[in-house]
């Protein structure tokens, strides 16, 4: 029986080439795995980020930072203040 965490990590690793995300998965479950990985590796808990900082972090892996940022907020992994001025890792 395989370890669920390691199989998930292997699955996410397959989405990258030379440290860059090759495509944002269309399937919701696969995309969620990716988003959790990005949250855990790019954003520190209990720290506020402005939109430029979030974009800069996301651009290190993929050029479409707006889509990734939106997916992270919709998935509840990044919380955004009502005025949109600040983001924080939610998990």
Protein backbone atom coordinates (compact mmCIF):
# COMPACT_ATOMS: atom_id res chain seq x y z
CA UNK A 1 0.00 0.00 0.00
CA UNK A 2 1.43 3.41 -0.93
CA UNK A 3 1.72 6.39 1.35
CA UNK A 4 -0.93 8.93 0.30
CA UNK A 5 1.31 11.93 1.03
CA UNK A 6 4.20 10.68 -1.09
CA UNK A 7 1.97 9.68 -4.01
CA UNK A 8 0.41 13.15 -3.89
CA UNK A 9 3.88 14.75 -3.87
CA UNK A 10 4.93 12.59 -6.83
CA UNK A 11 1.77 13.61 -8.67
CA UNK A 12 2.45 17.29 -8.12
CA UNK A 13 6.09 16.89 -9.14
CA UNK A 14 4.93 15.55 -12.51
CA UNK A 15 3.30 18.94 -13.19
CA UNK A 16 6.68 20.71 -13.11
CA UNK A 17 9.60 20.85 -15.51
CA UNK A 18 12.82 22.56 -14.42
CA UNK A 19 11.01 24.15 -11.47
CA UNK A 20 8.24 25.63 -13.60
CA UNK A 21 4.62 24.55 -13.72
CA UNK A 22 3.93 23.23 -17.22
CA UNK A 23 0.14 23.68 -17.04
CA UNK A 24 -2.60 24.36 -14.51
CA UNK A 25 -4.61 21.13 -14.19
CA UNK A 26 -8.21 21.23 -15.40
CA UNK A 27 -9.42 18.45 -13.12
CA UNK A 28 -10.47 19.91 -9.78
CA UNK A 29 -8.86 17.21 -7.60
CA UNK A 30 -5.52 17.49 -9.39
CA UNK A 31 -5.65 21.29 -9.29
CA UNK A 32 -6.38 21.16 -5.53
CA UNK A 33 -3.25 19.03 -4.99
CA UNK A 34 -1.23 21.63 -6.87
CA UNK A 35 -2.76 24.54 -4.96
CA UNK A 36 -2.05 22.91 -1.58
CA UNK A 37 1.54 22.35 -2.68
CA UNK A 38 1.92 25.98 -3.79
CA UNK A 39 0.41 27.26 -0.56
CA UNK A 40 2.76 25.17 1.56
CA UNK A 41 5.89 26.00 -0.43
CA UNK A 42 5.38 29.66 -1.39
CA UNK A 43 3.53 31.24 1.54
CA UNK A 44 4.37 31.38 5.24
CA UNK A 45 1.64 30.96 7.86
CA UNK A 46 0.65 34.05 9.89
CA UNK A 47 2.16 36.49 7.42
CA UNK A 48 0.35 39.16 5.40
CA UNK A 49 1.14 39.55 1.70
CA UNK A 50 0.08 42.34 -0.63
CA UNK A 51 -1.06 41.45 -4.16
CA UNK A 52 2.33 42.22 -5.69
CA UNK A 53 4.06 39.85 -3.25
CA UNK A 54 1.55 37.08 -4.03
CA UNK A 55 2.02 37.64 -7.76
CA UNK A 56 5.81 37.63 -7.44
CA UNK A 57 5.74 34.33 -5.54
CA UNK A 58 3.37 32.71 -8.04
CA UNK A 59 5.37 33.94 -11.05
CA UNK A 60 8.32 31.89 -9.79
CA UNK A 61 6.38 28.82 -10.97
CA UNK A 62 3.96 30.06 -13.68
CA UNK A 63 3.30 33.22 -15.68
CA UNK A 64 -0.48 33.23 -15.12
CA UNK A 65 -0.27 34.42 -11.52
CA UNK A 66 -3.78 35.94 -11.66
CA UNK A 67 -5.39 32.56 -12.37
CA UNK A 68 -3.36 30.83 -9.67
CA UNK A 69 -4.14 33.58 -7.16
CA UNK A 70 -7.85 33.34 -7.95
CA UNK A 71 -7.81 29.54 -7.62
CA UNK A 72 -6.01 29.79 -4.26
CA UNK A 73 -8.62 32.22 -2.91
CA UNK A 74 -11.58 30.21 -4.25
CA UNK A 75 -10.11 27.02 -2.75
CA UNK A 76 -9.86 28.75 0.64
CA UNK A 77 -6.08 28.33 0.78
CA UNK A 78 -5.35 32.06 0.66
CA UNK A 79 -7.62 34.47 2.47
CA UNK A 80 -8.10 37.95 1.03
CA UNK A 81 -9.25 40.96 2.98
CA UNK A 82 -12.58 42.44 1.78
CA UNK A 83 -10.80 45.43 0.22
CA UNK A 84 -8.31 43.11 -1.56
CA UNK A 85 -5.29 44.85 -0.08
CA UNK A 86 -3.92 41.88 1.83
CA UNK A 87 -3.66 38.10 1.55
CA UNK A 88 -2.78 35.51 4.16
CA UNK A 89 -2.26 31.76 4.04
CA UNK A 90 -5.48 30.26 5.39
CA UNK A 91 -4.17 26.77 6.19
